[in-house]
């Protein structure tokens, strides 16, 4: 008989070991807790992330197989280069976090349903104000055409979601993020789960144990204060 996931008391910020996550559904570790800054910091530091629907309790996950993107493996194809030339994009970071997360929520809501519910939106906006959640924005003619957001508190950028308002807008955001992380000698991007879109960009899948080991090593990286100051990224595609 499969045991239920662990229950987390909201007043005690503590997770069980990730090796105790369920096999079915894969990676479900616990439910309950809260979405405060303390909970999010603890979760991402231990390779755990929240993922749940609006009408559910908070669910916490650590899949047995983890999708990651090595910075050196990012695939920039001919079509993406053509899109860069076509849109002549301007890239900013942390200039429009609210716009990005809401665009991610709406795109999924209208396409396949979304786990980016109102509680998640507010939690990541709070994390943004706290300095651990960041956005990459891609603009063309002063219009936001794509972007992404995620958590970074070590050498790993933990990607949460991305969106397109124009073809390849999300890919342009990921390309810019990869180059920005390379510039600062960061480690890799945690993409959580694999999908065809991310696989086309160079994502690979590694066992949870390997992911956690590399995540732990990445704690040696100190995120520079200047790295995520709101700014325009000049020549980021060079």
C-alpha atoms as a PDB file:
ATOM      1  CA  UNK A   1       0.000   0.000   0.000  1.00  0.00           C
ATOM      2  CA  UNK A   2       1.378   3.402  -0.976  1.00  0.00           C
ATOM      3  CA  UNK A   3       1.745   5.743   1.965  1.00  0.00           C
ATOM      4  CA  UNK A   4       0.350   9.287   1.717  1.00  0.00           C
ATOM      5  CA  UNK A   5       2.685  12.286   1.296  1.00  0.00           C
ATOM      6  CA  UNK A   6       3.977  13.989   4.431  1.00  0.00           C
ATOM      7  CA  UNK A   7       1.906  16.715   6.067  1.00  0.00           C
ATOM      8  CA  UNK A   8       3.790  19.962   6.813  1.00  0.00           C
ATOM      9  CA  UNK A   9       2.704  22.213   9.642  1.00  0.00           C
ATOM     10  CA  UNK A  10       2.573  25.868   8.519  1.00  0.00           C
ATOM     11  CA  UNK A  11       4.405  27.001  11.662  1.00  0.00           C
ATOM     12  CA  UNK A  12       7.396  24.681  11.228  1.00  0.00           C
ATOM     13  CA  UNK A  13       9.582  25.232   8.149  1.00  0.00           C
ATOM     14  CA  UNK A  14      10.989  21.755   7.697  1.00  0.00           C
ATOM     15  CA  UNK A  15      10.859  19.228   4.858  1.00  0.00           C
ATOM     16  CA  UNK A  16      11.355  15.460   5.013  1.00  0.00           C
ATOM     17  CA  UNK A  17      14.306  14.018   3.041  1.00  0.00           C
ATOM     18  CA  UNK A  18      13.655  14.126  -0.699  1.00  0.00           C
ATOM     19  CA  UNK A  19      14.509  10.404  -1.003  1.00  0.00           C
ATOM     20  CA  UNK A  20      11.140   9.790   0.675  1.00  0.00           C
ATOM     21  CA  UNK A  21       9.180  11.351  -2.206  1.00  0.00           C
ATOM     22  CA  UNK A  22       6.548   9.083  -3.695  1.00  0.00           C
ATOM     23  CA  UNK A  23       7.087   7.017  -6.811  1.00  0.00           C
ATOM     24  CA  UNK A  24       3.461   7.553  -7.836  1.00  0.00           C
ATOM     25  CA  UNK A  25       2.825  10.327  -8.505  1.00  0.00           C
ATOM     26  CA  UNK A  26       6.521  10.680  -9.110  1.00  0.00           C
ATOM     27  CA  UNK A  27       8.196  13.180  -6.827  1.00  0.00           C
ATOM     28  CA  UNK A  28       5.292  14.155  -4.586  1.00  0.00           C
ATOM     29  CA  UNK A  29       6.925  14.700  -1.213  1.00  0.00           C
ATOM     30  CA  UNK A  30       4.552  16.612   1.025  1.00  0.00           C
ATOM     31  CA  UNK A  31       1.507  18.835   1.343  1.00  0.00           C
ATOM     32  CA  UNK A  32       0.693  21.770   3.570  1.00  0.00           C
ATOM     33  CA  UNK A  33       3.212  24.275   4.863  1.00  0.00           C
ATOM     34  CA  UNK A  34       3.060  27.791   3.473  1.00  0.00           C
ATOM     35  CA  UNK A  35       4.369  29.949   0.597  1.00  0.00           C
ATOM     36  CA  UNK A  36       6.243  32.485   2.688  1.00  0.00           C
ATOM     37  CA  UNK A  37       9.787  33.552   1.821  1.00  0.00           C
ATOM     38  CA  UNK A  38      11.197  31.211   4.472  1.00  0.00           C
ATOM     39  CA  UNK A  39       9.360  28.232   3.005  1.00  0.00           C
ATOM     40  CA  UNK A  40      10.414  29.029  -0.567  1.00  0.00           C
ATOM     41  CA  UNK A  41      14.060  29.599   0.376  1.00  0.00           C
ATOM     42  CA  UNK A  42      14.185  26.305   2.238  1.00  0.00           C
ATOM     43  CA  UNK A  43      12.423  24.401  -0.544  1.00  0.00           C
ATOM     44  CA  UNK A  44      14.597  25.558  -3.434  1.00  0.00           C
ATOM     45  CA  UNK A  45      17.783  25.136  -1.403  1.00  0.00           C
ATOM     46  CA  UNK A  46      16.842  21.467  -1.047  1.00  0.00           C
ATOM     47  CA  UNK A  47      15.677  20.780  -4.596  1.00  0.00           C
ATOM     48  CA  UNK A  48      11.953  21.019  -3.783  1.00  0.00           C
ATOM     49  CA  UNK A  49       9.353  23.162  -5.499  1.00  0.00           C
ATOM     50  CA  UNK A  50       5.612  23.891  -5.039  1.00  0.00           C
ATOM     51  CA  UNK A  51       3.152  22.828  -7.748  1.00  0.00           C
ATOM     52  CA  UNK A  52      -0.586  22.663  -7.171  1.00  0.00           C
ATOM     53  CA  UNK A  53      -3.934  23.816  -8.525  1.00  0.00           C
ATOM     54  CA  UNK A  54      -5.986  26.703  -7.157  1.00  0.00           C
ATOM     55  CA  UNK A  55      -8.407  24.469  -5.248  1.00  0.00           C
ATOM     56  CA  UNK A  56      -5.728  22.191  -3.750  1.00  0.00           C
ATOM     57  CA  UNK A  57      -3.548  22.365  -0.675  1.00  0.00           C
ATOM     58  CA  UNK A  58       0.070  23.332  -1.353  1.00  0.00           C
ATOM     59  CA  UNK A  59       1.897  20.347  -2.832  1.00  0.00           C
ATOM     60  CA  UNK A  60       5.702  20.019  -2.729  1.00  0.00           C
ATOM     61  CA  UNK A  61       7.691  18.002  -5.279  1.00  0.00           C
ATOM     62  CA  UNK A  62      11.141  16.532  -5.874  1.00  0.00           C
ATOM     63  CA  UNK A  63      10.949  14.309  -9.000  1.00  0.00           C
ATOM     64  CA  UNK A  64      13.113  11.215  -9.327  1.00  0.00           C
ATOM     65  CA  UNK A  65      14.350  12.520 -12.696  1.00  0.00           C
ATOM     66  CA  UNK A  66      15.260  16.185 -12.996  1.00  0.00           C
ATOM     67  CA  UNK A  67      15.386  18.294 -16.127  1.00  0.00           C
ATOM     68  CA  UNK A  68      18.408  20.589 -16.220  1.00  0.00           C
ATOM     69  CA  UNK A  69      20.006  22.780 -18.855  1.00  0.00           C
ATOM     70  CA  UNK A  70      23.785  22.944 -18.906  1.00  0.00           C
ATOM     71  CA  UNK A  71      24.782  26.432 -19.975  1.00  0.00           C
ATOM     72  CA  UNK A  72      27.175  25.019 -22.556  1.00  0.00           C
ATOM     73  CA  UNK A  73      24.438  22.809 -24.037  1.00  0.00           C
ATOM     74  CA  UNK A  74      21.976  25.562 -24.959  1.00  0.00           C
ATOM     75  CA  UNK A  75      20.904  25.068 -28.559  1.00  0.00           C
ATOM     76  CA  UNK A  76      20.586  28.262 -30.576  1.00  0.00           C
ATOM     77  CA  UNK A  77      19.308  27.217 -33.983  1.00  0.00           C
ATOM     78  CA  UNK A  78      19.027  29.077 -37.249  1.00  0.00           C
ATOM     79  CA  UNK A  79      15.366  29.959 -36.693  1.00  0.00           C
ATOM     80  CA  UNK A  80      16.124  31.535 -33.316  1.00  0.00           C
ATOM     81  CA  UNK A  81      18.933  33.598 -34.817  1.00  0.00           C
ATOM     82  CA  UNK A  82      16.541  34.772 -37.511  1.00  0.00           C
ATOM     83  CA  UNK A  83      14.010  35.780 -34.840  1.00  0.00           C
ATOM     84  CA  UNK A  84      16.707  37.755 -33.055  1.00  0.00           C
ATOM     85  CA  UNK A  85      17.457  39.610 -36.273  1.00  0.00           C
ATOM     86  CA  UNK A  86      13.769  40.122 -37.020  1.00  0.00           C
ATOM     87  CA  UNK A  87      12.747  41.479 -33.624  1.00  0.00           C
ATOM     88  CA  UNK A  88      16.003  43.303 -32.780  1.00  0.00           C
ATOM     89  CA  UNK A  89      15.111  42.673 -29.125  1.00  0.00           C
ATOM     90  CA  UNK A  90      15.959  44.706 -26.073  1.00  0.00           C
ATOM     91  CA  UNK A  91      16.479  42.534 -22.997  1.00  0.00           C
ATOM     92  CA  UNK A  92      15.944  43.695 -19.430  1.00  0.00           C
ATOM     93  CA  UNK A  93      16.008  41.938 -16.068  1.00  0.00           C
ATOM     94  CA  UNK A  94      13.715  42.626 -13.127  1.00  0.00           C
ATOM     95  CA  UNK A  95      12.106  45.578 -14.895  1.00  0.00           C
ATOM     96  CA  UNK A  96       8.660  43.995 -15.299  1.00  0.00           C
ATOM     97  CA  UNK A  97       8.402  41.017 -12.936  1.00  0.00           C
ATOM     98  CA  UNK A  98       4.648  41.399 -12.391  1.00  0.00           C
ATOM     99  CA  UNK A  99       3.996  41.582 -16.131  1.00  0.00           C
ATOM    100  CA  UNK A 100       6.065  38.461 -16.753  1.00  0.00           C
ATOM    101  CA  UNK A 101       4.483  36.257 -14.100  1.00  0.00           C
ATOM    102  CA  UNK A 102       0.974  37.331 -15.070  1.00  0.00           C
ATOM    103  CA  UNK A 103       1.731  36.716 -18.754  1.00  0.00           C
ATOM    104  CA  UNK A 104       2.961  33.220 -17.839  1.00  0.00           C
ATOM    105  CA  UNK A 105      -0.222  32.603 -15.862  1.00  0.00           C
ATOM    106  CA  UNK A 106      -2.561  33.833 -18.610  1.00  0.00           C
ATOM    107  CA  UNK A 107      -0.817  31.954 -21.411  1.00  0.00           C
ATOM    108  CA  UNK A 108      -1.227  28.650 -19.587  1.00  0.00           C
ATOM    109  CA  UNK A 109      -4.726  29.438 -18.384  1.00  0.00           C
ATOM    110  CA  UNK A 110      -5.983  29.926 -21.922  1.00  0.00           C
ATOM    111  CA  UNK A 111      -3.976  27.060 -23.456  1.00  0.00           C
ATOM    112  CA  UNK A 112      -3.830  24.072 -21.125  1.00  0.00           C
ATOM    113  CA  UNK A 113      -4.822  25.289 -17.682  1.00  0.00           C
ATOM    114  CA  UNK A 114      -2.398  26.688 -15.161  1.00  0.00           C
ATOM    115  CA  UNK A 115      -0.795  25.853 -11.835  1.00  0.00           C
ATOM    116  CA  UNK A 116       0.269  29.515 -11.532  1.00  0.00           C
ATOM    117  CA  UNK A 117      -2.668  30.384  -9.311  1.00  0.00           C
ATOM    118  CA  UNK A 118      -3.296  33.581  -7.367  1.00  0.00           C
ATOM    119  CA  UNK A 119      -1.455  32.313  -4.262  1.00  0.00           C
ATOM    120  CA  UNK A 120       1.580  31.385  -6.362  1.00  0.00           C
ATOM    121  CA  UNK A 121       1.605  34.761  -8.114  1.00  0.00           C
ATOM    122  CA  UNK A 122       1.619  36.658  -4.838  1.00  0.00           C
ATOM    123  CA  UNK A 123       4.235  34.340  -3.291  1.00  0.00           C
ATOM    124  CA  UNK A 124       6.690  34.901  -6.150  1.00  0.00           C
ATOM    125  CA  UNK A 125       6.032  38.630  -6.238  1.00  0.00           C
ATOM    126  CA  UNK A 126       6.925  38.656  -2.524  1.00  0.00           C
ATOM    127  CA  UNK A 127      10.035  36.578  -3.320  1.00  0.00           C
ATOM    128  CA  UNK A 128      10.930  39.081  -6.024  1.00  0.00           C
ATOM    129  CA  UNK A 129      10.739  41.949  -3.519  1.00  0.00           C
ATOM    130  CA  UNK A 130      12.878  39.847  -1.179  1.00  0.00           C
ATOM    131  CA  UNK A 131      15.544  39.530  -3.882  1.00  0.00           C
ATOM    132  CA  UNK A 132      15.435  35.832  -4.757  1.00  0.00           C
ATOM    133  CA  UNK A 133      12.888  35.736  -7.616  1.00  0.00           C
ATOM    134  CA  UNK A 134      13.925  37.304 -10.915  1.00  0.00           C
ATOM    135  CA  UNK A 135      12.578  37.918 -14.381  1.00  0.00           C
ATOM    136  CA  UNK A 136      14.058  38.241 -17.842  1.00  0.00           C
ATOM    137  CA  UNK A 137      12.058  40.399 -20.247  1.00  0.00           C
ATOM    138  CA  UNK A 138      12.356  40.585 -24.031  1.00  0.00           C
ATOM    139  CA  UNK A 139      11.031  43.709 -25.757  1.00  0.00           C
ATOM    140  CA  UNK A 140      10.524  44.671 -29.392  1.00  0.00           C
ATOM    141  CA  UNK A 141       9.405  48.205 -30.242  1.00  0.00           C
ATOM    142  CA  UNK A 142       8.659  48.743 -26.527  1.00  0.00           C
ATOM    143  CA  UNK A 143       6.305  45.755 -26.471  1.00  0.00           C
ATOM    144  CA  UNK A 144       6.917  42.765 -24.219  1.00  0.00           C
ATOM    145  CA  UNK A 145       7.203  39.764 -26.567  1.00  0.00           C
ATOM    146  CA  UNK A 146       8.520  37.108 -24.183  1.00  0.00           C
ATOM    147  CA  UNK A 147      10.011  36.423 -20.811  1.00  0.00           C
ATOM    148  CA  UNK A 148      10.643  34.046 -17.949  1.00  0.00           C
ATOM    149  CA  UNK A 149      10.994  34.041 -14.180  1.00  0.00           C
ATOM    150  CA  UNK A 150      12.559  31.872 -11.521  1.00  0.00           C
ATOM    151  CA  UNK A 151      14.458  31.662  -8.246  1.00  0.00           C
ATOM    152  CA  UNK A 152      18.199  32.126  -7.830  1.00  0.00           C
ATOM    153  CA  UNK A 153      19.901  31.969  -4.441  1.00  0.00           C
ATOM    154  CA  UNK A 154      23.034  29.985  -5.404  1.00  0.00           C
ATOM    155  CA  UNK A 155      24.799  29.095  -8.652  1.00  0.00           C
ATOM    156  CA  UNK A 156      21.616  27.484  -9.983  1.00  0.00           C
ATOM    157  CA  UNK A 157      18.780  29.403 -11.624  1.00  0.00           C
ATOM    158  CA  UNK A 158      15.572  27.510 -10.834  1.00  0.00           C
ATOM    159  CA  UNK A 159      13.292  28.282 -13.741  1.00  0.00           C
ATOM    160  CA  UNK A 160       9.569  28.435 -13.034  1.00  0.00           C
ATOM    161  CA  UNK A 161       7.798  29.485 -16.212  1.00  0.00           C
ATOM    162  CA  UNK A 162       8.124  31.389 -19.493  1.00  0.00           C
ATOM    163  CA  UNK A 163       5.829  32.853 -22.127  1.00  0.00           C
ATOM    164  CA  UNK A 164       5.614  34.027 -25.738  1.00  0.00           C
ATOM    165  CA  UNK A 165       3.698  36.988 -27.072  1.00  0.00           C
ATOM    166  CA  UNK A 166       5.566  36.575 -30.363  1.00  0.00           C
ATOM    167  CA  UNK A 167       7.178  33.465 -31.902  1.00  0.00           C
ATOM    168  CA  UNK A 168      10.453  32.605 -30.128  1.00  0.00           C
ATOM    169  CA  UNK A 169       9.925  35.235 -27.424  1.00  0.00           C
ATOM    170  CA  UNK A 170      10.503  32.647 -24.680  1.00  0.00           C
ATOM    171  CA  UNK A 171      13.523  31.209 -26.489  1.00  0.00           C
ATOM    172  CA  UNK A 172      15.045  34.678 -26.770  1.00  0.00           C
ATOM    173  CA  UNK A 173      14.554  35.103 -23.018  1.00  0.00           C
ATOM    174  CA  UNK A 174      16.223  31.749 -22.316  1.00  0.00           C
ATOM    175  CA  UNK A 175      19.127  32.581 -24.643  1.00  0.00           C
ATOM    176  CA  UNK A 176      19.664  35.849 -22.801  1.00  0.00           C
ATOM    177  CA  UNK A 177      19.456  34.100 -19.414  1.00  0.00           C
ATOM    178  CA  UNK A 178      22.018  31.470 -20.456  1.00  0.00           C
ATOM    179  CA  UNK A 179      24.467  34.164 -21.575  1.00  0.00           C
ATOM    180  CA  UNK A 180      23.891  36.196 -18.400  1.00  0.00           C
ATOM    181  CA  UNK A 181      24.553  33.159 -16.207  1.00  0.00           C
ATOM    182  CA  UNK A 182      27.665  32.302 -18.224  1.00  0.00           C
ATOM    183  CA  UNK A 183      28.974  35.825 -17.724  1.00  0.00           C
ATOM    184  CA  UNK A 184      28.735  35.335 -13.955  1.00  0.00           C
ATOM    185  CA  UNK A 185      30.136  31.769 -13.953  1.00  0.00           C
ATOM    186  CA  UNK A 186      26.922  30.267 -12.624  1.00  0.00           C
ATOM    187  CA  UNK A 187      26.323  26.511 -12.729  1.00  0.00           C
ATOM    188  CA  UNK A 188      23.195  25.462 -14.630  1.00  0.00           C
ATOM    189  CA  UNK A 189      19.453  25.998 -14.992  1.00  0.00           C
ATOM    190  CA  UNK A 190      17.016  23.777 -13.114  1.00  0.00           C
ATOM    191  CA  UNK A 191      14.068  23.208 -15.467  1.00  0.00           C
ATOM    192  CA  UNK A 192      12.308  20.816 -13.049  1.00  0.00           C
ATOM    193  CA  UNK A 193      10.572  18.582 -15.619  1.00  0.00           C
ATOM    194  CA  UNK A 194      11.296  17.742 -19.233  1.00  0.00           C
ATOM    195  CA  UNK A 195       9.041  18.743 -22.115  1.00  0.00           C
ATOM    196  CA  UNK A 196       9.522  18.921 -25.903  1.00  0.00           C
ATOM    197  CA  UNK A 197      10.097  22.667 -25.867  1.00  0.00           C
ATOM    198  CA  UNK A 198      12.912  22.482 -23.324  1.00  0.00           C
ATOM    199  CA  UNK A 199      14.409  19.400 -24.958  1.00  0.00           C
ATOM    200  CA  UNK A 200      14.705  21.415 -28.171  1.00  0.00           C
ATOM    201  CA  UNK A 201      16.834  23.934 -26.260  1.00  0.00           C
ATOM    202  CA  UNK A 202      19.263  21.310 -24.975  1.00  0.00           C
ATOM    203  CA  UNK A 203      17.695  20.091 -21.744  1.00  0.00           C
ATOM    204  CA  UNK A 204      18.859  16.769 -20.325  1.00  0.00           C
ATOM    205  CA  UNK A 205      17.495  14.594 -17.541  1.00  0.00           C
ATOM    206  CA  UNK A 206      19.545  13.499 -14.517  1.00  0.00           C
ATOM    207  CA  UNK A 207      18.664  11.386 -11.462  1.00  0.00           C
ATOM    208  CA  UNK A 208      17.516  13.224  -8.357  1.00  0.00           C
ATOM    209  CA  UNK A 209      20.662  12.226  -6.435  1.00  0.00           C
ATOM    210  CA  UNK A 210      22.937  13.740  -9.077  1.00  0.00           C
ATOM    211  CA  UNK A 211      20.848  16.889  -9.222  1.00  0.00           C
ATOM    212  CA  UNK A 212      20.924  17.342  -5.451  1.00  0.00           C
ATOM    213  CA  UNK A 213      24.671  16.759  -5.336  1.00  0.00           C
ATOM    214  CA  UNK A 214      25.265  19.453  -7.946  1.00  0.00           C
ATOM    215  CA  UNK A 215      22.773  21.772  -6.268  1.00  0.00           C
ATOM    216  CA  UNK A 216      24.715  21.399  -3.030  1.00  0.00           C
ATOM    217  CA  UNK A 217      28.011  22.219  -4.781  1.00  0.00           C
ATOM    218  CA  UNK A 218      26.403  25.312  -6.295  1.00  0.00           C
ATOM    219  CA  UNK A 219      25.879  26.736  -2.803  1.00  0.00           C
ATOM    220  CA  UNK A 220      29.518  27.835  -2.936  1.00  0.00           C
ATOM    221  CA  UNK A 221      28.466  30.451  -5.495  1.00  0.00           C
ATOM    222  CA  UNK A 222      27.588  33.860  -4.071  1.00  0.00           C
ATOM    223  CA  UNK A 223      25.065  35.750  -6.169  1.00  0.00           C
ATOM    224  CA  UNK A 224      26.520  39.250  -6.731  1.00  0.00           C
ATOM    225  CA  UNK A 225      24.188  42.047  -5.660  1.00  0.00           C
ATOM    226  CA  UNK A 226      24.711  43.716  -9.030  1.00  0.00           C
ATOM    227  CA  UNK A 227      23.705  40.614 -10.981  1.00  0.00           C
ATOM    228  CA  UNK A 228      19.969  41.064 -10.564  1.00  0.00           C
ATOM    229  CA  UNK A 229      19.689  44.809 -10.257  1.00  0.00           C
ATOM    230  CA  UNK A 230      16.957  46.044 -12.599  1.00  0.00           C
ATOM    231  CA  UNK A 231      18.757  46.903 -15.817  1.00  0.00           C
ATOM    232  CA  UNK A 232      18.967  46.541 -19.572  1.00  0.00           C
ATOM    233  CA  UNK A 233      21.406  43.874 -20.742  1.00  0.00           C
ATOM    234  CA  UNK A 234      23.591  45.354 -23.461  1.00  0.00           C
ATOM    235  CA  UNK A 235      24.913  43.086 -26.228  1.00  0.00           C
ATOM    236  CA  UNK A 236      23.585  40.026 -24.376  1.00  0.00           C
ATOM    237  CA  UNK A 237      23.418  37.931 -27.563  1.00  0.00           C
ATOM    238  CA  UNK A 238      27.018  38.570 -28.603  1.00  0.00           C
END
